[in-house]
Amino acid sequence: MFVRVWRTLVDLVRARRQRSRVRCQLAAMTERELQDCGMTRAEIAYELTKPVRRK
């Protein structure tokens, strides 16, 4: 039981860190890079203001 809870917590922390890294990368992108990805600054701003939770 304890091992399952521990693994779940570790997985949650890993996912949160990964999302945090992705958000930082998005924030650092230039306008040209965003256009290449098909995203706008407004979409990035929206994503950055969302709480760091699941999905």
N, C-alpha and C. Protein backbone atom coordinates (compact mmCIF):
# COMPACT_ATOMS: atom_id res chain seq x y z
N MET A 1 0.82 -1.19 0.00
CA MET A 1 0.00 0.00 0.00
C MET A 1 0.87 1.25 0.00
N PHE A 2 1.83 1.32 0.92
CA PHE A 2 2.70 2.48 1.01
C PHE A 2 3.49 2.69 -0.28
N VAL A 3 3.95 1.60 -0.87
CA VAL A 3 4.75 1.70 -2.10
C VAL A 3 3.90 2.28 -3.23
N ARG A 4 2.65 1.88 -3.32
CA ARG A 4 1.76 2.38 -4.37
C ARG A 4 1.52 3.88 -4.20
N VAL A 5 1.30 4.30 -2.98
CA VAL A 5 1.08 5.73 -2.70
C VAL A 5 2.34 6.52 -3.04
N TRP A 6 3.48 6.00 -2.64
CA TRP A 6 4.75 6.66 -2.91
C TRP A 6 4.98 6.80 -4.41
N ARG A 7 4.73 5.74 -5.15
CA ARG A 7 4.92 5.79 -6.61
C ARG A 7 3.99 6.81 -7.26
N THR A 8 2.77 6.87 -6.78
CA THR A 8 1.81 7.84 -7.30
C THR A 8 2.30 9.26 -7.06
N LEU A 9 2.79 9.52 -5.87
CA LEU A 9 3.32 10.85 -5.55
C LEU A 9 4.53 11.20 -6.42
N VAL A 10 5.41 10.25 -6.60
CA VAL A 10 6.59 10.46 -7.44
C VAL A 10 6.16 10.75 -8.87
N ASP A 11 5.19 10.02 -9.38
CA ASP A 11 4.70 10.25 -10.75
C ASP A 11 4.08 11.63 -10.88
N LEU A 12 3.34 12.06 -9.88
CA LEU A 12 2.73 13.39 -9.91
C LEU A 12 3.79 14.49 -9.92
N VAL A 13 4.82 14.32 -9.13
CA VAL A 13 5.90 15.32 -9.09
C VAL A 13 6.63 15.36 -10.43
N ARG A 14 6.88 14.22 -11.00
CA ARG A 14 7.55 14.17 -12.31
C ARG A 14 6.71 14.86 -13.38
N ALA A 15 5.42 14.58 -13.39
CA ALA A 15 4.54 15.20 -14.39
C ALA A 15 4.50 16.71 -14.20
N ARG A 16 4.45 17.16 -12.97
CA ARG A 16 4.41 18.60 -12.70
C ARG A 16 5.70 19.27 -13.16
N ARG A 17 6.83 18.64 -12.89
CA ARG A 17 8.11 19.21 -13.34
C ARG A 17 8.20 19.25 -14.85
N GLN A 18 7.72 18.20 -15.51
CA GLN A 18 7.75 18.17 -16.97
C GLN A 18 6.90 19.29 -17.54
N ARG A 19 5.69 19.46 -17.03
CA ARG A 19 4.82 20.54 -17.52
C ARG A 19 5.45 21.90 -17.27
N SER A 20 6.13 22.04 -16.13
CA SER A 20 6.79 23.30 -15.81
C SER A 20 7.90 23.60 -16.81
N ARG A 21 8.67 22.59 -17.16
CA ARG A 21 9.74 22.76 -18.15
C ARG A 21 9.17 23.16 -19.51
N VAL A 22 8.09 22.51 -19.91
CA VAL A 22 7.46 22.81 -21.20
C VAL A 22 6.95 24.24 -21.21
N ARG A 23 6.34 24.67 -20.13
CA ARG A 23 5.83 26.04 -20.05
C ARG A 23 6.97 27.05 -20.16
N CYS A 24 8.08 26.77 -19.51
CA CYS A 24 9.24 27.67 -19.61
C CYS A 24 9.76 27.72 -21.04
N GLN A 25 9.80 26.59 -21.71
CA GLN A 25 10.26 26.56 -23.09
C GLN A 25 9.31 27.35 -23.99
N LEU A 26 8.02 27.21 -23.78
CA LEU A 26 7.04 27.96 -24.57
C LEU A 26 7.21 29.46 -24.35
N ALA A 27 7.42 29.86 -23.11
CA ALA A 27 7.56 31.28 -22.80
C ALA A 27 8.80 31.87 -23.45
N ALA A 28 9.82 31.06 -23.66
CA ALA A 28 11.08 31.54 -24.21
C ALA A 28 11.11 31.55 -25.75
N MET A 29 10.08 31.01 -26.39
CA MET A 29 10.08 30.92 -27.85
C MET A 29 9.88 32.29 -28.50
N THR A 30 10.49 32.44 -29.67
CA THR A 30 10.32 33.67 -30.45
C THR A 30 9.01 33.59 -31.23
N GLU A 31 8.60 34.73 -31.78
CA GLU A 31 7.37 34.76 -32.58
C GLU A 31 7.46 33.80 -33.76
N ARG A 32 8.62 33.73 -34.38
CA ARG A 32 8.81 32.85 -35.54
C ARG A 32 8.66 31.38 -35.12
N GLU A 33 9.25 31.01 -34.01
CA GLU A 33 9.14 29.64 -33.53
C GLU A 33 7.70 29.28 -33.20
N LEU A 34 6.99 30.24 -32.60
CA LEU A 34 5.58 30.00 -32.29
C LEU A 34 4.76 29.81 -33.56
N GLN A 35 5.05 30.62 -34.59
CA GLN A 35 4.34 30.47 -35.86
C GLN A 35 4.59 29.09 -36.45
N ASP A 36 5.83 28.63 -36.35
CA ASP A 36 6.17 27.30 -36.87
C ASP A 36 5.38 26.21 -36.16
N CYS A 37 5.09 26.42 -34.88
CA CYS A 37 4.31 25.46 -34.10
C CYS A 37 2.81 25.65 -34.25
N GLY A 38 2.42 26.75 -34.89
CA GLY A 38 1.01 27.04 -35.06
C GLY A 38 0.36 27.60 -33.81
N MET A 39 1.15 28.28 -32.99
CA MET A 39 0.63 28.86 -31.74
C MET A 39 0.81 30.37 -31.76
N THR A 40 0.04 31.04 -30.91
CA THR A 40 0.15 32.48 -30.78
C THR A 40 0.56 32.83 -29.36
N ARG A 41 0.98 34.07 -29.16
CA ARG A 41 1.35 34.54 -27.82
C ARG A 41 0.16 34.45 -26.87
N ALA A 42 -1.04 34.71 -27.38
CA ALA A 42 -2.23 34.65 -26.54
C ALA A 42 -2.46 33.23 -26.02
N GLU A 43 -2.25 32.24 -26.87
CA GLU A 43 -2.39 30.84 -26.44
C GLU A 43 -1.34 30.49 -25.39
N ILE A 44 -0.13 30.99 -25.57
CA ILE A 44 0.94 30.74 -24.61
C ILE A 44 0.61 31.42 -23.29
N ALA A 45 0.14 32.66 -23.35
CA ALA A 45 -0.22 33.39 -22.12
C ALA A 45 -1.31 32.65 -21.37
N TYR A 46 -2.30 32.14 -22.08
CA TYR A 46 -3.37 31.38 -21.45
C TYR A 46 -2.80 30.13 -20.77
N GLU A 47 -1.94 29.42 -21.47
CA GLU A 47 -1.35 28.21 -20.92
C GLU A 47 -0.52 28.50 -19.68
N LEU A 48 0.21 29.61 -19.69
CA LEU A 48 1.06 29.95 -18.56
C LEU A 48 0.27 30.37 -17.34
N THR A 49 -0.95 30.86 -17.52
CA THR A 49 -1.74 31.28 -16.37
C THR A 49 -2.54 30.14 -15.76
N LYS A 50 -2.64 29.01 -16.45
CA LYS A 50 -3.36 27.88 -15.90
C LYS A 50 -2.60 27.31 -14.71
N PRO A 51 -3.32 26.84 -13.70
CA PRO A 51 -2.63 26.23 -12.57
C PRO A 51 -1.92 24.95 -13.00
N VAL A 52 -0.83 24.64 -12.33
CA VAL A 52 -0.06 23.43 -12.67
C VAL A 52 -0.74 22.25 -12.00
N ARG A 53 -1.64 21.65 -12.73
CA ARG A 53 -2.38 20.48 -12.25
C ARG A 53 -2.42 19.46 -13.36
N ARG A 54 -3.14 18.40 -13.08
CA ARG A 54 -3.30 17.37 -14.12
C ARG A 54 -4.02 17.96 -15.31
N LYS A 55 -3.53 17.68 -16.48
CA LYS A 55 -4.10 18.10 -17.75
C LYS A 55 -4.50 19.52 -17.62
